[in-house]
Amino acid sequence: MQLLNERFAGYVDRVRFLDAQNTRLVDELGRLESLRGTEAARIKAMFHVELQQARRLLYLVDADETQLQLRASSLEQELDHVTQK
């Protein structure tokens, strides 16, 4: 009977230890998940700003290209006119 009591006490101690360890790990997981959420939000905001800047530059390049194409067309028409004279 003494041996069973000692084994049961050892089992209870082990369960308490594992329960405490589980609580500690759950707390650490919660901390890491909140840290990950904070970091993800910061990175998302940073890339959002960079994406807006890239879109703005793309729009400006597209506008410049359109102006240059119009200018080239105008110069070609002028060249044709001068060539015909």
PDB file of N, CA and C in Angstrom:
ATOM      1  N   MET A   1       0.821  -1.198   0.000  1.00  0.00           N
ATOM      2  CA  MET A   1       0.000   0.000   0.000  1.00  0.00           C
ATOM      3  C   MET A   1       0.868   1.267   0.000  1.00  0.00           C
ATOM      4  N   GLN A   2       1.947   1.221   0.773  1.00  0.00           N
ATOM      5  CA  GLN A   2       2.872   2.357   0.843  1.00  0.00           C
ATOM      6  C   GLN A   2       3.441   2.657  -0.543  1.00  0.00           C
ATOM      7  N   LEU A   3       3.791   1.616  -1.261  1.00  0.00           N
ATOM      8  CA  LEU A   3       4.350   1.782  -2.602  1.00  0.00           C
ATOM      9  C   LEU A   3       3.339   2.437  -3.546  1.00  0.00           C
ATOM     10  N   LEU A   4       2.080   2.034  -3.455  1.00  0.00           N
ATOM     11  CA  LEU A   4       1.046   2.646  -4.290  1.00  0.00           C
ATOM     12  C   LEU A   4       0.854   4.113  -3.949  1.00  0.00           C
ATOM     13  N   ASN A   5       0.897   4.443  -2.656  1.00  0.00           N
ATOM     14  CA  ASN A   5       0.775   5.837  -2.231  1.00  0.00           C
ATOM     15  C   ASN A   5       1.935   6.677  -2.771  1.00  0.00           C
ATOM     16  N   GLU A   6       3.139   6.125  -2.731  1.00  0.00           N
ATOM     17  CA  GLU A   6       4.308   6.857  -3.226  1.00  0.00           C
ATOM     18  C   GLU A   6       4.216   7.058  -4.751  1.00  0.00           C
ATOM     19  N   ARG A   7       3.781   6.011  -5.440  1.00  0.00           N
ATOM     20  CA  ARG A   7       3.615   6.134  -6.889  1.00  0.00           C
ATOM     21  C   ARG A   7       2.528   7.150  -7.231  1.00  0.00           C
ATOM     22  N   PHE A   8       1.426   7.134  -6.472  1.00  0.00           N
ATOM     23  CA  PHE A   8       0.353   8.090  -6.702  1.00  0.00           C
ATOM     24  C   PHE A   8       0.825   9.518  -6.416  1.00  0.00           C
ATOM     25  N   ALA A   9       1.598   9.700  -5.329  1.00  0.00           N
ATOM     26  CA  ALA A   9       2.141  11.027  -4.995  1.00  0.00           C
ATOM     27  C   ALA A   9       3.068  11.504  -6.114  1.00  0.00           C
ATOM     28  N   GLY A  10       3.877  10.588  -6.647  1.00  0.00           N
ATOM     29  CA  GLY A  10       4.752  10.945  -7.762  1.00  0.00           C
ATOM     30  C   GLY A  10       3.948  11.343  -8.992  1.00  0.00           C
ATOM     31  N   TYR A  11       2.877  10.629  -9.248  1.00  0.00           N
ATOM     32  CA  TYR A  11       2.003  10.940 -10.369  1.00  0.00           C
ATOM     33  C   TYR A  11       1.361  12.314 -10.194  1.00  0.00           C
ATOM     34  N   VAL A  12       0.865  12.597  -8.962  1.00  0.00           N
ATOM     35  CA  VAL A  12       0.249  13.898  -8.682  1.00  0.00           C
ATOM     36  C   VAL A  12       1.265  15.014  -8.852  1.00  0.00           C
ATOM     37  N   ASP A  13       2.496  14.810  -8.371  1.00  0.00           N
ATOM     38  CA  ASP A  13       3.551  15.821  -8.535  1.00  0.00           C
ATOM     39  C   ASP A  13       3.846  16.059 -10.019  1.00  0.00           C
ATOM     40  N   ARG A  14       3.899  14.990 -10.773  1.00  0.00           N
ATOM     41  CA  ARG A  14       4.180  15.115 -12.205  1.00  0.00           C
ATOM     42  C   ARG A  14       3.053  15.876 -12.909  1.00  0.00           C
ATOM     43  N   VAL A  15       1.806  15.585 -12.565  1.00  0.00           N
ATOM     44  CA  VAL A  15       0.664  16.285 -13.154  1.00  0.00           C
ATOM     45  C   VAL A  15       0.712  17.760 -12.805  1.00  0.00           C
ATOM     46  N   ARG A  16       1.038  18.088 -11.561  1.00  0.00           N
ATOM     47  CA  ARG A  16       1.146  19.505 -11.153  1.00  0.00           C
ATOM     48  C   ARG A  16       2.251  20.211 -11.921  1.00  0.00           C
ATOM     49  N   PHE A  17       3.408  19.520 -12.065  1.00  0.00           N
ATOM     50  CA  PHE A  17       4.523  20.105 -12.807  1.00  0.00           C
ATOM     51  C   PHE A  17       4.118  20.367 -14.257  1.00  0.00           C
ATOM     52  N   LEU A  18       3.488  19.365 -14.882  1.00  0.00           N
ATOM     53  CA  LEU A  18       3.083  19.524 -16.280  1.00  0.00           C
ATOM     54  C   LEU A  18       2.008  20.594 -16.440  1.00  0.00           C
ATOM     55  N   ASP A  19       1.131  20.712 -15.465  1.00  0.00           N
ATOM     56  CA  ASP A  19       0.099  21.749 -15.509  1.00  0.00           C
ATOM     57  C   ASP A  19       0.731  23.141 -15.419  1.00  0.00           C
ATOM     58  N   ALA A  20       1.710  23.301 -14.517  1.00  0.00           N
ATOM     59  CA  ALA A  20       2.409  24.580 -14.392  1.00  0.00           C
ATOM     60  C   ALA A  20       3.176  24.893 -15.672  1.00  0.00           C
ATOM     61  N   GLN A  21       3.817  23.878 -16.234  1.00  0.00           N
ATOM     62  CA  GLN A  21       4.563  24.076 -17.476  1.00  0.00           C
ATOM     63  C   GLN A  21       3.612  24.447 -18.622  1.00  0.00           C
ATOM     64  N   ASN A  22       2.467  23.807 -18.676  1.00  0.00           N
ATOM     65  CA  ASN A  22       1.476  24.111 -19.701  1.00  0.00           C
ATOM     66  C   ASN A  22       0.988  25.559 -19.571  1.00  0.00           C
ATOM     67  N   THR A  23       0.730  25.995 -18.343  1.00  0.00           N
ATOM     68  CA  THR A  23       0.294  27.377 -18.113  1.00  0.00           C
ATOM     69  C   THR A  23       1.362  28.370 -18.581  1.00  0.00           C
ATOM     70  N   ARG A  24       2.626  28.052 -18.252  1.00  0.00           N
ATOM     71  CA  ARG A  24       3.730  28.922 -18.659  1.00  0.00           C
ATOM     72  C   ARG A  24       3.833  28.976 -20.182  1.00  0.00           C
ATOM     73  N   LEU A  25       3.695  27.836 -20.837  1.00  0.00           N
ATOM     74  CA  LEU A  25       3.790  27.790 -22.293  1.00  0.00           C
ATOM     75  C   LEU A  25       2.619  28.510 -22.958  1.00  0.00           C
ATOM     76  N   VAL A  26       1.436  28.400 -22.380  1.00  0.00           N
ATOM     77  CA  VAL A  26       0.271  29.116 -22.933  1.00  0.00           C
ATOM     78  C   VAL A  26       0.489  30.615 -22.820  1.00  0.00           C
ATOM     79  N   ASP A  27       1.034  31.071 -21.686  1.00  0.00           N
ATOM     80  CA  ASP A  27       1.323  32.500 -21.520  1.00  0.00           C
ATOM     81  C   ASP A  27       2.363  32.973 -22.527  1.00  0.00           C
ATOM     82  N   GLU A  28       3.405  32.169 -22.715  1.00  0.00           N
ATOM     83  CA  GLU A  28       4.447  32.532 -23.669  1.00  0.00           C
ATOM     84  C   GLU A  28       3.898  32.555 -25.099  1.00  0.00           C
ATOM     85  N   LEU A  29       3.040  31.606 -25.429  1.00  0.00           N
ATOM     86  CA  LEU A  29       2.422  31.579 -26.749  1.00  0.00           C
ATOM     87  C   LEU A  29       1.570  32.826 -26.973  1.00  0.00           C
ATOM     88  N   GLY A  30       0.813  33.219 -25.970  1.00  0.00           N
ATOM     89  CA  GLY A  30       0.005  34.432 -26.088  1.00  0.00           C
ATOM     90  C   GLY A  30       0.861  35.662 -26.305  1.00  0.00           C
ATOM     91  N   ARG A  31       1.980  35.733 -25.589  1.00  0.00           N
ATOM     92  CA  ARG A  31       2.903  36.861 -25.746  1.00  0.00           C
ATOM     93  C   ARG A  31       3.495  36.878 -27.152  1.00  0.00           C
ATOM     94  N   LEU A  32       3.903  35.717 -27.648  1.00  0.00           N
ATOM     95  CA  LEU A  32       4.496  35.645 -28.981  1.00  0.00           C
ATOM     96  C   LEU A  32       3.478  35.956 -30.071  1.00  0.00           C
ATOM     97  N   GLU A  33       2.242  35.505 -29.888  1.00  0.00           N
ATOM     98  CA  GLU A  33       1.211  35.815 -30.885  1.00  0.00           C
ATOM     99  C   GLU A  33       0.905  37.305 -30.927  1.00  0.00           C
ATOM    100  N   SER A  34       0.882  37.949 -29.769  1.00  0.00           N
ATOM    101  CA  SER A  34       0.637  39.396 -29.772  1.00  0.00           C
ATOM    102  C   SER A  34       1.804  40.141 -30.394  1.00  0.00           C
ATOM    103  N   LEU A  35       3.023  39.660 -30.139  1.00  0.00           N
ATOM    104  CA  LEU A  35       4.207  40.275 -30.747  1.00  0.00           C
ATOM    105  C   LEU A  35       4.162  40.104 -32.262  1.00  0.00           C
ATOM    106  N   ARG A  36       3.778  38.905 -32.708  1.00  0.00           N
ATOM    107  CA  ARG A  36       3.687  38.653 -34.145  1.00  0.00           C
ATOM    108  C   ARG A  36       2.641  39.563 -34.784  1.00  0.00           C
ATOM    109  N   GLY A  37       1.510  39.738 -34.112  1.00  0.00           N
ATOM    110  CA  GLY A  37       0.466  40.609 -34.645  1.00  0.00           C
ATOM    111  C   GLY A  37       0.937  42.048 -34.760  1.00  0.00           C
ATOM    112  N   THR A  38       1.671  42.505 -33.761  1.00  0.00           N
ATOM    113  CA  THR A  38       2.201  43.872 -33.772  1.00  0.00           C
ATOM    114  C   THR A  38       3.206  44.043 -34.901  1.00  0.00           C
ATOM    115  N   GLU A  39       4.115  43.081 -35.037  1.00  0.00           N
ATOM    116  CA  GLU A  39       5.127  43.150 -36.088  1.00  0.00           C
ATOM    117  C   GLU A  39       4.481  43.075 -37.474  1.00  0.00           C
ATOM    118  N   ALA A  40       3.499  42.202 -37.623  1.00  0.00           N
ATOM    119  CA  ALA A  40       2.832  42.063 -38.917  1.00  0.00           C
ATOM    120  C   ALA A  40       2.128  43.362 -39.306  1.00  0.00           C
ATOM    121  N   ALA A  41       1.496  44.004 -38.337  1.00  0.00           N
ATOM    122  CA  ALA A  41       0.803  45.268 -38.624  1.00  0.00           C
ATOM    123  C   ALA A  41       1.804  46.348 -39.026  1.00  0.00           C
ATOM    124  N   ARG A  42       2.948  46.388 -38.363  1.00  0.00           N
ATOM    125  CA  ARG A  42       3.979  47.383 -38.673  1.00  0.00           C
ATOM    126  C   ARG A  42       4.536  47.152 -40.074  1.00  0.00           C
ATOM    127  N   ILE A  43       4.824  45.909 -40.400  1.00  0.00           N
ATOM    128  CA  ILE A  43       5.368  45.585 -41.720  1.00  0.00           C
ATOM    129  C   ILE A  43       4.333  45.860 -42.806  1.00  0.00           C
ATOM    130  N   LYS A  44       3.073  45.532 -42.536  1.00  0.00           N
ATOM    131  CA  LYS A  44       2.007  45.783 -43.509  1.00  0.00           C
ATOM    132  C   LYS A  44       1.887  47.278 -43.786  1.00  0.00           C
ATOM    133  N   ALA A  45       1.946  48.095 -42.755  1.00  0.00           N
ATOM    134  CA  ALA A  45       1.858  49.543 -42.935  1.00  0.00           C
ATOM    135  C   ALA A  45       3.046  50.061 -43.751  1.00  0.00           C
ATOM    136  N   MET A  46       4.234  49.526 -43.464  1.00  0.00           N
ATOM    137  CA  MET A  46       5.435  49.955 -44.178  1.00  0.00           C
ATOM    138  C   MET A  46       5.324  49.612 -45.668  1.00  0.00           C
ATOM    139  N   PHE A  47       4.906  48.405 -45.985  1.00  0.00           N
ATOM    140  CA  PHE A  47       4.784  48.014 -47.385  1.00  0.00           C
ATOM    141  C   PHE A  47       3.639  48.742 -48.073  1.00  0.00           C
ATOM    142  N   HIS A  48       2.600  49.093 -47.323  1.00  0.00           N
ATOM    143  CA  HIS A  48       1.495  49.850 -47.903  1.00  0.00           C
ATOM    144  C   HIS A  48       2.001  51.215 -48.386  1.00  0.00           C
ATOM    145  N   VAL A  49       2.825  51.857 -47.583  1.00  0.00           N
ATOM    146  CA  VAL A  49       3.394  53.156 -47.965  1.00  0.00           C
ATOM    147  C   VAL A  49       4.280  52.993 -49.203  1.00  0.00           C
ATOM    148  N   GLU A  50       5.117  51.963 -49.204  1.00  0.00           N
ATOM    149  CA  GLU A  50       5.991  51.745 -50.359  1.00  0.00           C
ATOM    150  C   GLU A  50       5.184  51.432 -51.621  1.00  0.00           C
ATOM    151  N   LEU A  51       4.118  50.685 -51.463  1.00  0.00           N
ATOM    152  CA  LEU A  51       3.268  50.363 -52.608  1.00  0.00           C
ATOM    153  C   LEU A  51       2.601  51.621 -53.160  1.00  0.00           C
ATOM    154  N   GLN A  52       2.156  52.505 -52.301  1.00  0.00           N
ATOM    155  CA  GLN A  52       1.566  53.770 -52.760  1.00  0.00           C
ATOM    156  C   GLN A  52       2.593  54.596 -53.522  1.00  0.00           C
ATOM    157  N   GLN A  53       3.828  54.650 -53.013  1.00  0.00           N
ATOM    158  CA  GLN A  53       4.874  55.409 -53.695  1.00  0.00           C
ATOM    159  C   GLN A  53       5.182  54.806 -55.065  1.00  0.00           C
ATOM    160  N   ALA A  54       5.227  53.488 -55.151  1.00  0.00           N
ATOM    161  CA  ALA A  54       5.505  52.825 -56.423  1.00  0.00           C
ATOM    162  C   ALA A  54       4.377  53.090 -57.416  1.00  0.00           C
ATOM    163  N   ARG A  55       3.141  53.053 -56.943  1.00  0.00           N
ATOM    164  CA  ARG A  55       2.013  53.343 -57.834  1.00  0.00           C
ATOM    165  C   ARG A  55       2.071  54.781 -58.335  1.00  0.00           C
ATOM    166  N   ARG A  56       2.434  55.706 -57.456  1.00  0.00           N
ATOM    167  CA  ARG A  56       2.537  57.111 -57.848  1.00  0.00           C
ATOM    168  C   ARG A  56       3.618  57.278 -58.917  1.00  0.00           C
ATOM    169  N   LEU A  57       4.770  56.626 -58.721  1.00  0.00           N
ATOM    170  CA  LEU A  57       5.844  56.708 -59.706  1.00  0.00           C
ATOM    171  C   LEU A  57       5.430  56.078 -61.031  1.00  0.00           C
ATOM    172  N   LEU A  58       4.736  54.975 -60.961  1.00  0.00           N
ATOM    173  CA  LEU A  58       4.253  54.330 -62.181  1.00  0.00           C
ATOM    174  C   LEU A  58       3.291  55.235 -62.938  1.00  0.00           C
ATOM    175  N   TYR A  59       2.418  55.915 -62.218  1.00  0.00           N
ATOM    176  CA  TYR A  59       1.489  56.852 -62.849  1.00  0.00           C
ATOM    177  C   TYR A  59       2.258  57.980 -63.531  1.00  0.00           C
ATOM    178  N   LEU A  60       3.279  58.527 -62.850  1.00  0.00           N
ATOM    179  CA  LEU A  60       4.066  59.616 -63.429  1.00  0.00           C
ATOM    180  C   LEU A  60       4.825  59.161 -64.676  1.00  0.00           C
ATOM    181  N   VAL A  61       5.386  57.962 -64.617  1.00  0.00           N
ATOM    182  CA  VAL A  61       6.110  57.436 -65.781  1.00  0.00           C
ATOM    183  C   VAL A  61       5.145  57.229 -66.942  1.00  0.00           C
ATOM    184  N   ASP A  62       3.967  56.718 -66.654  1.00  0.00           N
ATOM    185  CA  ASP A  62       2.970  56.510 -67.705  1.00  0.00           C
ATOM    186  C   ASP A  62       2.554  57.839 -68.327  1.00  0.00           C
ATOM    187  N   ALA A  63       2.382  58.863 -67.502  1.00  0.00           N
ATOM    188  CA  ALA A  63       2.008  60.185 -68.021  1.00  0.00           C
ATOM    189  C   ALA A  63       3.130  60.744 -68.880  1.00  0.00           C
ATOM    190  N   ASP A  64       4.385  60.585 -68.437  1.00  0.00           N
ATOM    191  CA  ASP A  64       5.521  61.061 -69.233  1.00  0.00           C
ATOM    192  C   ASP A  64       5.608  60.324 -70.571  1.00  0.00           C
ATOM    193  N   GLU A  65       5.372  59.017 -70.530  1.00  0.00           N
ATOM    194  CA  GLU A  65       5.416  58.233 -71.763  1.00  0.00           C
ATOM    195  C   GLU A  65       4.351  58.704 -72.751  1.00  0.00           C
ATOM    196  N   THR A  66       3.176  58.991 -72.264  1.00  0.00           N
ATOM    197  CA  THR A  66       2.094  59.471 -73.129  1.00  0.00           C
ATOM    198  C   THR A  66       2.472  60.805 -73.763  1.00  0.00           C
ATOM    199  N   GLN A  67       3.031  61.707 -72.954  1.00  0.00           N
ATOM    200  CA  GLN A  67       3.452  63.006 -73.493  1.00  0.00           C
ATOM    201  C   GLN A  67       4.542  62.841 -74.553  1.00  0.00           C
ATOM    202  N   LEU A  68       5.483  61.945 -74.292  1.00  0.00           N
ATOM    203  CA  LEU A  68       6.566  61.729 -75.256  1.00  0.00           C
ATOM    204  C   LEU A  68       6.041  61.116 -76.557  1.00  0.00           C
ATOM    205  N   GLN A  69       5.061  60.212 -76.431  1.00  0.00           N
ATOM    206  CA  GLN A  69       4.482  59.632 -77.641  1.00  0.00           C
ATOM    207  C   GLN A  69       3.744  60.701 -78.453  1.00  0.00           C
ATOM    208  N   LEU A  70       3.032  61.576 -77.782  1.00  0.00           N
ATOM    209  CA  LEU A  70       2.352  62.667 -78.487  1.00  0.00           C
ATOM    210  C   LEU A  70       3.360  63.592 -79.152  1.00  0.00           C
ATOM    211  N   ARG A  71       4.431  63.889 -78.455  1.00  0.00           N
ATOM    212  CA  ARG A  71       5.469  64.769 -79.001  1.00  0.00           C
ATOM    213  C   ARG A  71       6.128  64.107 -80.210  1.00  0.00           C
ATOM    214  N   ALA A  72       6.399  62.797 -80.120  1.00  0.00           N
ATOM    215  CA  ALA A  72       7.024  62.078 -81.238  1.00  0.00           C
ATOM    216  C   ALA A  72       6.090  62.055 -82.437  1.00  0.00           C
ATOM    217  N   SER A  73       4.823  61.840 -82.196  1.00  0.00           N
ATOM    218  CA  SER A  73       3.846  61.843 -83.296  1.00  0.00           C
ATOM    219  C   SER A  73       3.794  63.205 -83.954  1.00  0.00           C
ATOM    220  N   SER A  74       3.813  64.241 -83.139  1.00  0.00           N
ATOM    221  CA  SER A  74       3.780  65.606 -83.666  1.00  0.00           C
ATOM    222  C   SER A  74       5.028  65.890 -84.496  1.00  0.00           C
ATOM    223  N   LEU A  75       6.175  65.463 -84.011  1.00  0.00           N
ATOM    224  CA  LEU A  75       7.426  65.688 -84.744  1.00  0.00           C
ATOM    225  C   LEU A  75       7.444  64.890 -86.046  1.00  0.00           C
ATOM    226  N   GLU A  76       6.887  63.678 -86.043  1.00  0.00           N
ATOM    227  CA  GLU A  76       6.828  62.885 -87.277  1.00  0.00           C
ATOM    228  C   GLU A  76       5.941  63.576 -88.313  1.00  0.00           C
ATOM    229  N   GLN A  77       4.821  64.136 -87.844  1.00  0.00           N
ATOM    230  CA  GLN A  77       3.935  64.852 -88.767  1.00  0.00           C
ATOM    231  C   GLN A  77       4.628  66.089 -89.313  1.00  0.00           C
ATOM    232  N   GLU A  78       5.349  66.767 -88.444  1.00  0.00           N
ATOM    233  CA  GLU A  78       6.074  67.963 -88.893  1.00  0.00           C
ATOM    234  C   GLU A  78       7.169  67.585 -89.888  1.00  0.00           C
ATOM    235  N   LEU A  79       7.855  66.468 -89.634  1.00  0.00           N
ATOM    236  CA  LEU A  79       8.905  66.007 -90.545  1.00  0.00           C
ATOM    237  C   LEU A  79       8.301  65.639 -91.915  1.00  0.00           C
ATOM    238  N   ASP A  80       7.156  64.957 -91.886  1.00  0.00           N
ATOM    239  CA  ASP A  80       6.497  64.635 -93.145  1.00  0.00           C
ATOM    240  C   ASP A  80       6.111  65.889 -93.920  1.00  0.00           C
ATOM    241  N   HIS A  81       5.640  66.886 -93.182  1.00  0.00           N
ATOM    242  CA  HIS A  81       5.249  68.153 -93.812  1.00  0.00           C
ATOM    243  C   HIS A  81       6.464  68.841 -94.435  1.00  0.00           C
ATOM    244  N   VAL A  82       7.569  68.865 -93.693  1.00  0.00           N
ATOM    245  CA  VAL A  82       8.764  69.529 -94.199  1.00  0.00           C
ATOM    246  C   VAL A  82       9.336  68.728 -95.381  1.00  0.00           C
ATOM    247  N   THR A  83       9.274  67.421 -95.312  1.00  0.00           N
ATOM    248  CA  THR A  83       9.787  66.578 -96.389  1.00  0.00           C
ATOM    249  C   THR A  83       8.985  66.796 -97.671  1.00  0.00           C
ATOM    250  N   GLN A  84       7.686  66.978 -97.551  1.00  0.00           N
ATOM    251  CA  GLN A  84       6.835  67.180 -98.732  1.00  0.00           C
ATOM    252  C   GLN A  84       7.120  68.533 -99.388  1.00  0.00           C
ATOM    253  N   LYS A  85       7.565  69.483 -98.646  1.00  0.00           N
ATOM    254  CA  LYS A  85       7.857  70.809 -99.223  1.00  0.00           C
ATOM    255  C   LYS A  85       9.117  70.704 -99.991  1.00  0.00           C
TER     256      LYS A  85
END
